[in-house]
């Protein structure tokens, strides 16, 4: 963060225009499609027993809502990475890694917030 601010102030001292975009991706973790994610993991060369482990980790997850003594119907989840886990941010990064602008992104706070700063020369300020 200190390096980001130092580079930001340097660009401003050089009279360059700098724009900051803050994206809160906390709910984006819930949108990760397991099928697409597993295909991307495979594409990155993770295969065999390790791929099977990722598949086991993501598939057949179930969820229900409890309010007082009443529980909803249990449903199988086909999207989302476990939040609060060590693997959640890594899996989310794998999921979004092929987005064209990802080289312009600094991941902050376990990917729940993304800060992008661009200078006019289309150089990323990191």
C-alpha atoms as a PDB file:
ATOM      1  CA  UNK A   1       0.000   0.000   0.000  1.00  0.00           C
ATOM      2  CA  UNK A   2       2.891   2.339   0.790  1.00  0.00           C
ATOM      3  CA  UNK A   3       4.421   1.617  -2.626  1.00  0.00           C
ATOM      4  CA  UNK A   4       1.065   2.298  -4.296  1.00  0.00           C
ATOM      5  CA  UNK A   5       0.723   5.665  -2.556  1.00  0.00           C
ATOM      6  CA  UNK A   6       4.344   6.579  -3.309  1.00  0.00           C
ATOM      7  CA  UNK A   7       3.841   5.880  -7.017  1.00  0.00           C
ATOM      8  CA  UNK A   8       0.510   7.705  -6.969  1.00  0.00           C
ATOM      9  CA  UNK A   9       2.075  10.831  -5.472  1.00  0.00           C
ATOM     10  CA  UNK A  10       4.995  10.611  -7.908  1.00  0.00           C
ATOM     11  CA  UNK A  11       2.580  10.629 -10.868  1.00  0.00           C
ATOM     12  CA  UNK A  12       0.690  13.561  -9.361  1.00  0.00           C
ATOM     13  CA  UNK A  13       3.981  15.455  -8.789  1.00  0.00           C
ATOM     14  CA  UNK A  14       4.754  14.872 -12.472  1.00  0.00           C
ATOM     15  CA  UNK A  15       1.419  16.601 -13.238  1.00  0.00           C
ATOM     16  CA  UNK A  16      -0.091  13.412 -14.645  1.00  0.00           C
ATOM     17  CA  UNK A  17      -3.766  12.634 -14.239  1.00  0.00           C
ATOM     18  CA  UNK A  18      -4.431   9.560 -12.141  1.00  0.00           C
ATOM     19  CA  UNK A  19      -7.790   7.809 -11.743  1.00  0.00           C
ATOM     20  CA  UNK A  20      -8.635   5.364  -8.993  1.00  0.00           C
ATOM     21  CA  UNK A  21     -11.375   2.787  -9.288  1.00  0.00           C
ATOM     22  CA  UNK A  22     -12.446   0.873  -6.211  1.00  0.00           C
ATOM     23  CA  UNK A  23     -14.407  -2.326  -6.700  1.00  0.00           C
ATOM     24  CA  UNK A  24     -15.889  -4.244  -3.800  1.00  0.00           C
ATOM     25  CA  UNK A  25     -15.900  -7.880  -4.874  1.00  0.00           C
ATOM     26  CA  UNK A  26     -17.055  -9.430  -1.611  1.00  0.00           C
ATOM     27  CA  UNK A  27     -20.184 -10.872  -3.250  1.00  0.00           C
ATOM     28  CA  UNK A  28     -18.279 -11.794  -6.411  1.00  0.00           C
ATOM     29  CA  UNK A  29     -16.916 -14.843  -4.584  1.00  0.00           C
ATOM     30  CA  UNK A  30     -20.469 -16.214  -4.698  1.00  0.00           C
ATOM     31  CA  UNK A  31     -20.626 -16.001  -8.502  1.00  0.00           C
ATOM     32  CA  UNK A  32     -17.693 -18.311  -9.314  1.00  0.00           C
ATOM     33  CA  UNK A  33     -19.087 -21.161 -11.427  1.00  0.00           C
ATOM     34  CA  UNK A  34     -17.556 -24.480 -10.284  1.00  0.00           C
ATOM     35  CA  UNK A  35     -17.576 -26.021 -13.778  1.00  0.00           C
ATOM     36  CA  UNK A  36     -15.778 -23.043 -15.332  1.00  0.00           C
ATOM     37  CA  UNK A  37     -13.323 -22.824 -12.438  1.00  0.00           C
ATOM     38  CA  UNK A  38     -12.431 -26.519 -12.635  1.00  0.00           C
ATOM     39  CA  UNK A  39     -11.846 -26.164 -16.385  1.00  0.00           C
ATOM     40  CA  UNK A  40      -9.518 -23.216 -15.757  1.00  0.00           C
ATOM     41  CA  UNK A  41      -7.644 -25.129 -13.046  1.00  0.00           C
ATOM     42  CA  UNK A  42      -7.193 -27.968 -15.551  1.00  0.00           C
ATOM     43  CA  UNK A  43      -6.059 -25.500 -18.232  1.00  0.00           C
ATOM     44  CA  UNK A  44      -3.352 -24.209 -15.883  1.00  0.00           C
ATOM     45  CA  UNK A  45      -1.933 -27.722 -15.655  1.00  0.00           C
ATOM     46  CA  UNK A  46      -3.420 -28.917 -12.382  1.00  0.00           C
ATOM     47  CA  UNK A  47      -4.441 -32.499 -13.129  1.00  0.00           C
ATOM     48  CA  UNK A  48      -4.639 -35.937 -11.614  1.00  0.00           C
ATOM     49  CA  UNK A  49      -5.107 -36.304  -7.876  1.00  0.00           C
ATOM     50  CA  UNK A  50      -4.690 -32.585  -7.206  1.00  0.00           C
ATOM     51  CA  UNK A  51      -7.447 -31.748  -9.731  1.00  0.00           C
ATOM     52  CA  UNK A  52      -9.623 -34.453  -8.162  1.00  0.00           C
ATOM     53  CA  UNK A  53      -9.027 -32.827  -4.781  1.00  0.00           C
ATOM     54  CA  UNK A  54     -10.132 -29.406  -6.129  1.00  0.00           C
ATOM     55  CA  UNK A  55     -13.208 -31.037  -7.658  1.00  0.00           C
ATOM     56  CA  UNK A  56     -14.033 -32.723  -4.351  1.00  0.00           C
ATOM     57  CA  UNK A  57     -13.500 -29.415  -2.524  1.00  0.00           C
ATOM     58  CA  UNK A  58     -15.931 -27.538  -4.771  1.00  0.00           C
ATOM     59  CA  UNK A  59     -18.642 -30.036  -5.678  1.00  0.00           C
ATOM     60  CA  UNK A  60     -21.535 -31.345  -3.623  1.00  0.00           C
ATOM     61  CA  UNK A  61     -21.443 -28.348  -1.289  1.00  0.00           C
ATOM     62  CA  UNK A  62     -24.822 -27.714   0.291  1.00  0.00           C
ATOM     63  CA  UNK A  63     -26.429 -24.748   1.928  1.00  0.00           C
ATOM     64  CA  UNK A  64     -29.561 -23.915   3.864  1.00  0.00           C
ATOM     65  CA  UNK A  65     -30.899 -20.932   5.766  1.00  0.00           C
ATOM     66  CA  UNK A  66     -31.958 -21.186   9.399  1.00  0.00           C
ATOM     67  CA  UNK A  67     -34.152 -18.582  11.038  1.00  0.00           C
ATOM     68  CA  UNK A  68     -34.925 -19.488  14.593  1.00  0.00           C
ATOM     69  CA  UNK A  69     -36.162 -23.088  14.623  1.00  0.00           C
ATOM     70  CA  UNK A  70     -37.103 -23.073  10.942  1.00  0.00           C
ATOM     71  CA  UNK A  71     -34.723 -24.369   8.266  1.00  0.00           C
ATOM     72  CA  UNK A  72     -35.050 -23.918   4.539  1.00  0.00           C
ATOM     73  CA  UNK A  73     -34.655 -26.735   2.060  1.00  0.00           C
ATOM     74  CA  UNK A  74     -31.032 -27.802   1.587  1.00  0.00           C
ATOM     75  CA  UNK A  75     -29.744 -26.942  -1.883  1.00  0.00           C
ATOM     76  CA  UNK A  76     -26.606 -28.019  -3.739  1.00  0.00           C
ATOM     77  CA  UNK A  77     -24.321 -25.113  -4.665  1.00  0.00           C
ATOM     78  CA  UNK A  78     -22.978 -24.863  -8.211  1.00  0.00           C
ATOM     79  CA  UNK A  79     -21.349 -21.477  -7.751  1.00  0.00           C
ATOM     80  CA  UNK A  80     -19.160 -19.787  -5.187  1.00  0.00           C
ATOM     81  CA  UNK A  81     -15.872 -20.395  -3.453  1.00  0.00           C
ATOM     82  CA  UNK A  82     -15.748 -20.872   0.306  1.00  0.00           C
ATOM     83  CA  UNK A  83     -15.213 -17.477   1.913  1.00  0.00           C
ATOM     84  CA  UNK A  84     -12.962 -17.259   4.917  1.00  0.00           C
ATOM     85  CA  UNK A  85     -10.875 -20.124   3.567  1.00  0.00           C
ATOM     86  CA  UNK A  86      -7.240 -19.999   2.507  1.00  0.00           C
ATOM     87  CA  UNK A  87      -8.141 -21.325  -0.960  1.00  0.00           C
ATOM     88  CA  UNK A  88     -11.068 -18.963  -1.599  1.00  0.00           C
ATOM     89  CA  UNK A  89      -8.980 -15.970  -2.760  1.00  0.00           C
ATOM     90  CA  UNK A  90      -6.663 -18.205  -4.811  1.00  0.00           C
ATOM     91  CA  UNK A  91      -9.591 -19.886  -6.567  1.00  0.00           C
ATOM     92  CA  UNK A  92     -11.218 -16.515  -7.241  1.00  0.00           C
ATOM     93  CA  UNK A  93      -7.969 -15.198  -8.717  1.00  0.00           C
ATOM     94  CA  UNK A  94      -7.713 -18.265 -10.982  1.00  0.00           C
ATOM     95  CA  UNK A  95     -11.317 -17.626 -12.048  1.00  0.00           C
ATOM     96  CA  UNK A  96     -10.706 -13.975 -13.038  1.00  0.00           C
ATOM     97  CA  UNK A  97      -7.066 -14.312 -14.100  1.00  0.00           C
ATOM     98  CA  UNK A  98      -7.814 -14.396 -17.832  1.00  0.00           C
ATOM     99  CA  UNK A  99      -9.737 -11.122 -17.818  1.00  0.00           C
ATOM    100  CA  UNK A 100      -7.808  -8.801 -20.127  1.00  0.00           C
ATOM    101  CA  UNK A 101      -7.394  -6.018 -17.561  1.00  0.00           C
ATOM    102  CA  UNK A 102      -6.139  -8.231 -14.784  1.00  0.00           C
ATOM    103  CA  UNK A 103      -2.570  -7.050 -15.363  1.00  0.00           C
ATOM    104  CA  UNK A 104      -3.786  -3.604 -14.322  1.00  0.00           C
ATOM    105  CA  UNK A 105      -5.147  -4.757 -10.977  1.00  0.00           C
ATOM    106  CA  UNK A 106      -3.633  -4.854  -7.528  1.00  0.00           C
ATOM    107  CA  UNK A 107      -5.351  -7.393  -5.335  1.00  0.00           C
ATOM    108  CA  UNK A 108      -6.032  -6.096  -1.858  1.00  0.00           C
ATOM    109  CA  UNK A 109      -7.605  -7.581   1.232  1.00  0.00           C
ATOM    110  CA  UNK A 110      -7.786 -11.160  -0.039  1.00  0.00           C
ATOM    111  CA  UNK A 111      -9.421 -10.035  -3.278  1.00  0.00           C
ATOM    112  CA  UNK A 112     -12.526  -8.668  -1.600  1.00  0.00           C
ATOM    113  CA  UNK A 113     -11.571  -5.247  -2.834  1.00  0.00           C
ATOM    114  CA  UNK A 114      -9.732  -4.384  -6.010  1.00  0.00           C
ATOM    115  CA  UNK A 115      -8.016  -1.058  -6.532  1.00  0.00           C
ATOM    116  CA  UNK A 116      -7.082  -0.018 -10.034  1.00  0.00           C
ATOM    117  CA  UNK A 117      -5.048   3.119 -10.686  1.00  0.00           C
ATOM    118  CA  UNK A 118      -4.197   4.135 -14.219  1.00  0.00           C
ATOM    119  CA  UNK A 119      -2.058   6.973 -15.519  1.00  0.00           C
ATOM    120  CA  UNK A 120      -2.600   8.627 -18.935  1.00  0.00           C
ATOM    121  CA  UNK A 121       0.249   6.647 -20.480  1.00  0.00           C
ATOM    122  CA  UNK A 122      -1.809   3.552 -19.615  1.00  0.00           C
ATOM    123  CA  UNK A 123       0.790   2.565 -17.071  1.00  0.00           C
ATOM    124  CA  UNK A 124      -0.363   0.852 -13.954  1.00  0.00           C
ATOM    125  CA  UNK A 125       0.614   2.524 -10.718  1.00  0.00           C
ATOM    126  CA  UNK A 126       1.633  -0.132  -8.239  1.00  0.00           C
END
